[in-house]
């Protein structure tokens, strides 16, 4: 799935020798890691290109998998229910069976119809309906 990320110039600053980026959803400064770069590009794309309301997007949302606490990168809601899960990886991390398994495990808890895995260079998305998994080639629009 090709995602045409727009030209993006995030707000950056350095604090205590650590580079930080302004998160447009969390509305706070966060450490600017390689994975955060991918996450912020996705947020910019969802809000400014796809016109997803930022109020329907959760970032680094904690979920429980049994006794384990995990954080999902981006969770989009529709009609007050989780609708799309986006898992972000550093650009150097290839999309593999292992990274796909991670998002599938998260979805056991969330049960969203749309799953997207991205390292900022390549992205892979699926739609799940009645237990069947369908590869998607474009991002679905959110209609409220």
C-alpha atoms as a PDB file:
ATOM      1  CA  UNK A   1       0.000   0.000   0.000  1.00  0.00           C
ATOM      2  CA  UNK A   2       1.535   3.311  -1.064  1.00  0.00           C
ATOM      3  CA  UNK A   3       0.972   6.245   1.277  1.00  0.00           C
ATOM      4  CA  UNK A   4       1.749   9.627  -0.303  1.00  0.00           C
ATOM      5  CA  UNK A   5       3.073  11.358   2.792  1.00  0.00           C
ATOM      6  CA  UNK A   6       2.905  15.119   2.240  1.00  0.00           C
ATOM      7  CA  UNK A   7       5.898  17.366   2.733  1.00  0.00           C
ATOM      8  CA  UNK A   8       5.982  17.699   6.500  1.00  0.00           C
ATOM      9  CA  UNK A   9       7.996  20.098   8.623  1.00  0.00           C
ATOM     10  CA  UNK A  10       7.262  19.295  12.260  1.00  0.00           C
ATOM     11  CA  UNK A  11       7.998  21.673  15.121  1.00  0.00           C
ATOM     12  CA  UNK A  12      11.306  20.607  16.652  1.00  0.00           C
ATOM     13  CA  UNK A  13      13.296  21.741  19.653  1.00  0.00           C
ATOM     14  CA  UNK A  14      16.223  20.561  21.726  1.00  0.00           C
ATOM     15  CA  UNK A  15      15.789  20.328  25.480  1.00  0.00           C
ATOM     16  CA  UNK A  16      18.527  18.977  27.760  1.00  0.00           C
ATOM     17  CA  UNK A  17      20.427  17.836  24.649  1.00  0.00           C
ATOM     18  CA  UNK A  18      17.448  15.732  23.518  1.00  0.00           C
ATOM     19  CA  UNK A  19      15.708  16.480  20.248  1.00  0.00           C
ATOM     20  CA  UNK A  20      11.944  16.730  20.651  1.00  0.00           C
ATOM     21  CA  UNK A  21       8.990  17.010  18.279  1.00  0.00           C
ATOM     22  CA  UNK A  22       5.589  18.568  18.901  1.00  0.00           C
ATOM     23  CA  UNK A  23       2.882  15.885  18.711  1.00  0.00           C
ATOM     24  CA  UNK A  24      -0.142  17.364  16.984  1.00  0.00           C
ATOM     25  CA  UNK A  25      -2.511  14.898  18.668  1.00  0.00           C
ATOM     26  CA  UNK A  26      -1.093  14.619  22.188  1.00  0.00           C
ATOM     27  CA  UNK A  27      -0.370  18.368  22.147  1.00  0.00           C
ATOM     28  CA  UNK A  28       2.956  17.992  23.900  1.00  0.00           C
ATOM     29  CA  UNK A  29       6.662  17.673  23.163  1.00  0.00           C
ATOM     30  CA  UNK A  30       7.925  14.098  22.838  1.00  0.00           C
ATOM     31  CA  UNK A  31      11.385  12.638  22.245  1.00  0.00           C
ATOM     32  CA  UNK A  32      12.107  12.616  18.513  1.00  0.00           C
ATOM     33  CA  UNK A  33      13.079   9.018  17.727  1.00  0.00           C
ATOM     34  CA  UNK A  34      13.109   7.296  14.346  1.00  0.00           C
ATOM     35  CA  UNK A  35       9.826   5.590  15.193  1.00  0.00           C
ATOM     36  CA  UNK A  36       8.338   8.907  16.338  1.00  0.00           C
ATOM     37  CA  UNK A  37       9.228  10.405  12.950  1.00  0.00           C
ATOM     38  CA  UNK A  38       7.098   7.703  11.285  1.00  0.00           C
ATOM     39  CA  UNK A  39       4.283   8.194  13.814  1.00  0.00           C
ATOM     40  CA  UNK A  40       4.215  11.988  13.326  1.00  0.00           C
ATOM     41  CA  UNK A  41       4.180  11.616   9.536  1.00  0.00           C
ATOM     42  CA  UNK A  42       1.213   9.288   9.845  1.00  0.00           C
ATOM     43  CA  UNK A  43      -0.626  11.695  12.150  1.00  0.00           C
ATOM     44  CA  UNK A  44       0.029  14.575   9.767  1.00  0.00           C
ATOM     45  CA  UNK A  45      -1.225  12.462   6.855  1.00  0.00           C
ATOM     46  CA  UNK A  46      -4.373  11.306   8.662  1.00  0.00           C
ATOM     47  CA  UNK A  47      -5.331  14.785   9.867  1.00  0.00           C
ATOM     48  CA  UNK A  48      -4.184  17.059   7.041  1.00  0.00           C
ATOM     49  CA  UNK A  49      -4.578  14.834   3.982  1.00  0.00           C
ATOM     50  CA  UNK A  50      -7.281  12.337   4.920  1.00  0.00           C
ATOM     51  CA  UNK A  51      -9.155  14.841   7.144  1.00  0.00           C
ATOM     52  CA  UNK A  52      -9.546  12.494  10.091  1.00  0.00           C
ATOM     53  CA  UNK A  53     -10.582  14.581  13.142  1.00  0.00           C
ATOM     54  CA  UNK A  54      -7.732  14.608  15.666  1.00  0.00           C
ATOM     55  CA  UNK A  55     -10.315  14.089  18.413  1.00  0.00           C
ATOM     56  CA  UNK A  56     -10.866  10.561  17.054  1.00  0.00           C
ATOM     57  CA  UNK A  57      -7.174   9.612  17.203  1.00  0.00           C
ATOM     58  CA  UNK A  58      -5.357   8.153  20.215  1.00  0.00           C
ATOM     59  CA  UNK A  59      -1.565   7.944  20.281  1.00  0.00           C
ATOM     60  CA  UNK A  60       0.387   5.368  22.308  1.00  0.00           C
ATOM     61  CA  UNK A  61      -2.831   4.073  23.823  1.00  0.00           C
ATOM     62  CA  UNK A  62      -2.253   1.507  26.542  1.00  0.00           C
ATOM     63  CA  UNK A  63      -3.965  -1.841  26.212  1.00  0.00           C
ATOM     64  CA  UNK A  64      -3.805  -4.940  28.400  1.00  0.00           C
ATOM     65  CA  UNK A  65      -3.087  -8.346  26.970  1.00  0.00           C
ATOM     66  CA  UNK A  66      -3.642 -10.545  29.977  1.00  0.00           C
ATOM     67  CA  UNK A  67      -1.085  -9.358  32.520  1.00  0.00           C
ATOM     68  CA  UNK A  68       0.962  -7.495  29.904  1.00  0.00           C
ATOM     69  CA  UNK A  69       0.614  -3.768  29.305  1.00  0.00           C
ATOM     70  CA  UNK A  70       1.306  -2.690  25.730  1.00  0.00           C
ATOM     71  CA  UNK A  71       0.993   0.586  23.843  1.00  0.00           C
ATOM     72  CA  UNK A  72      -0.448   0.797  20.352  1.00  0.00           C
ATOM     73  CA  UNK A  73       1.006   3.551  18.175  1.00  0.00           C
ATOM     74  CA  UNK A  74      -2.108   5.047  16.578  1.00  0.00           C
ATOM     75  CA  UNK A  75      -5.700   4.056  17.212  1.00  0.00           C
ATOM     76  CA  UNK A  76      -8.484   5.703  15.214  1.00  0.00           C
ATOM     77  CA  UNK A  77     -12.044   5.634  16.526  1.00  0.00           C
ATOM     78  CA  UNK A  78     -15.308   5.684  14.606  1.00  0.00           C
ATOM     79  CA  UNK A  79     -18.727   5.751  16.298  1.00  0.00           C
ATOM     80  CA  UNK A  80     -16.970   5.580  19.695  1.00  0.00           C
ATOM     81  CA  UNK A  81     -15.311   2.252  18.843  1.00  0.00           C
ATOM     82  CA  UNK A  82     -11.757   1.418  17.741  1.00  0.00           C
ATOM     83  CA  UNK A  83     -11.807   1.360  13.928  1.00  0.00           C
ATOM     84  CA  UNK A  84      -8.201   1.390  12.687  1.00  0.00           C
ATOM     85  CA  UNK A  85      -4.913   0.406  14.291  1.00  0.00           C
ATOM     86  CA  UNK A  86      -1.661   1.736  12.846  1.00  0.00           C
ATOM     87  CA  UNK A  87       1.595   0.238  14.096  1.00  0.00           C
ATOM     88  CA  UNK A  88       4.709   2.284  13.308  1.00  0.00           C
ATOM     89  CA  UNK A  89       8.252   0.980  13.016  1.00  0.00           C
ATOM     90  CA  UNK A  90      11.574   2.687  12.370  1.00  0.00           C
ATOM     91  CA  UNK A  91      12.498   2.988   8.703  1.00  0.00           C
ATOM     92  CA  UNK A  92      15.263   0.426   9.165  1.00  0.00           C
ATOM     93  CA  UNK A  93      12.835  -2.199  10.499  1.00  0.00           C
ATOM     94  CA  UNK A  94      11.536  -4.343   7.637  1.00  0.00           C
ATOM     95  CA  UNK A  95       7.880  -5.281   7.581  1.00  0.00           C
ATOM     96  CA  UNK A  96       8.047  -8.984   8.348  1.00  0.00           C
ATOM     97  CA  UNK A  97       5.980 -11.836   9.692  1.00  0.00           C
ATOM     98  CA  UNK A  98       7.178 -10.899  13.193  1.00  0.00           C
ATOM     99  CA  UNK A  99       5.982  -7.282  12.916  1.00  0.00           C
ATOM    100  CA  UNK A 100       2.688  -8.410  11.377  1.00  0.00           C
ATOM    101  CA  UNK A 101       2.192 -10.877  14.260  1.00  0.00           C
ATOM    102  CA  UNK A 102       2.575  -7.998  16.724  1.00  0.00           C
ATOM    103  CA  UNK A 103      -0.307  -6.020  15.224  1.00  0.00           C
ATOM    104  CA  UNK A 104      -2.473  -9.154  14.946  1.00  0.00           C
ATOM    105  CA  UNK A 105      -1.913  -9.881  18.649  1.00  0.00           C
ATOM    106  CA  UNK A 106      -2.932  -6.307  19.530  1.00  0.00           C
ATOM    107  CA  UNK A 107      -6.055  -6.771  17.461  1.00  0.00           C
ATOM    108  CA  UNK A 108      -7.150  -9.759  19.543  1.00  0.00           C
ATOM    109  CA  UNK A 109      -7.909  -7.162  22.226  1.00  0.00           C
ATOM    110  CA  UNK A 110      -9.087  -4.291  19.998  1.00  0.00           C
ATOM    111  CA  UNK A 111     -10.951  -6.139  17.237  1.00  0.00           C
ATOM    112  CA  UNK A 112     -10.662  -3.308  14.687  1.00  0.00           C
ATOM    113  CA  UNK A 113     -11.609  -3.851  11.045  1.00  0.00           C
ATOM    114  CA  UNK A 114      -8.557  -2.002   9.653  1.00  0.00           C
ATOM    115  CA  UNK A 115      -4.911  -2.760  10.460  1.00  0.00           C
ATOM    116  CA  UNK A 116      -1.946  -0.860   9.031  1.00  0.00           C
ATOM    117  CA  UNK A 117       1.736  -1.569   9.560  1.00  0.00           C
ATOM    118  CA  UNK A 118       4.293   0.989   8.374  1.00  0.00           C
ATOM    119  CA  UNK A 119       7.967   1.854   8.596  1.00  0.00           C
ATOM    120  CA  UNK A 120       7.438   5.138   6.741  1.00  0.00           C
ATOM    121  CA  UNK A 121       8.868   3.740   3.516  1.00  0.00           C
ATOM    122  CA  UNK A 122       6.517   0.851   2.976  1.00  0.00           C
ATOM    123  CA  UNK A 123       3.087   0.233   4.436  1.00  0.00           C
ATOM    124  CA  UNK A 124       0.882  -2.825   4.571  1.00  0.00           C
ATOM    125  CA  UNK A 125      -2.837  -2.663   5.308  1.00  0.00           C
ATOM    126  CA  UNK A 126      -5.654  -5.139   5.720  1.00  0.00           C
ATOM    127  CA  UNK A 127      -9.411  -5.104   6.242  1.00  0.00           C
ATOM    128  CA  UNK A 128     -10.911  -7.837   8.401  1.00  0.00           C
ATOM    129  CA  UNK A 129     -14.527  -8.896   8.019  1.00  0.00           C
ATOM    130  CA  UNK A 130     -16.142 -12.016   9.458  1.00  0.00           C
ATOM    131  CA  UNK A 131     -12.748 -13.581  10.129  1.00  0.00           C
ATOM    132  CA  UNK A 132     -11.500 -13.072   6.567  1.00  0.00           C
ATOM    133  CA  UNK A 133      -8.457 -10.859   5.922  1.00  0.00           C
ATOM    134  CA  UNK A 134      -8.337  -8.720   2.775  1.00  0.00           C
ATOM    135  CA  UNK A 135      -5.288  -6.738   1.684  1.00  0.00           C
ATOM    136  CA  UNK A 136      -6.070  -3.061   0.998  1.00  0.00           C
ATOM    137  CA  UNK A 137      -4.240  -0.877  -1.503  1.00  0.00           C
ATOM    138  CA  UNK A 138      -5.537   2.527  -0.334  1.00  0.00           C
ATOM    139  CA  UNK A 139      -6.447   4.103   2.964  1.00  0.00           C
ATOM    140  CA  UNK A 140     -10.151   4.014   3.785  1.00  0.00           C
ATOM    141  CA  UNK A 141     -11.907   7.321   4.394  1.00  0.00           C
ATOM    142  CA  UNK A 142     -13.493   7.966   7.712  1.00  0.00           C
ATOM    143  CA  UNK A 143     -17.063   9.137   7.345  1.00  0.00           C
ATOM    144  CA  UNK A 144     -18.883  10.382  10.382  1.00  0.00           C
END
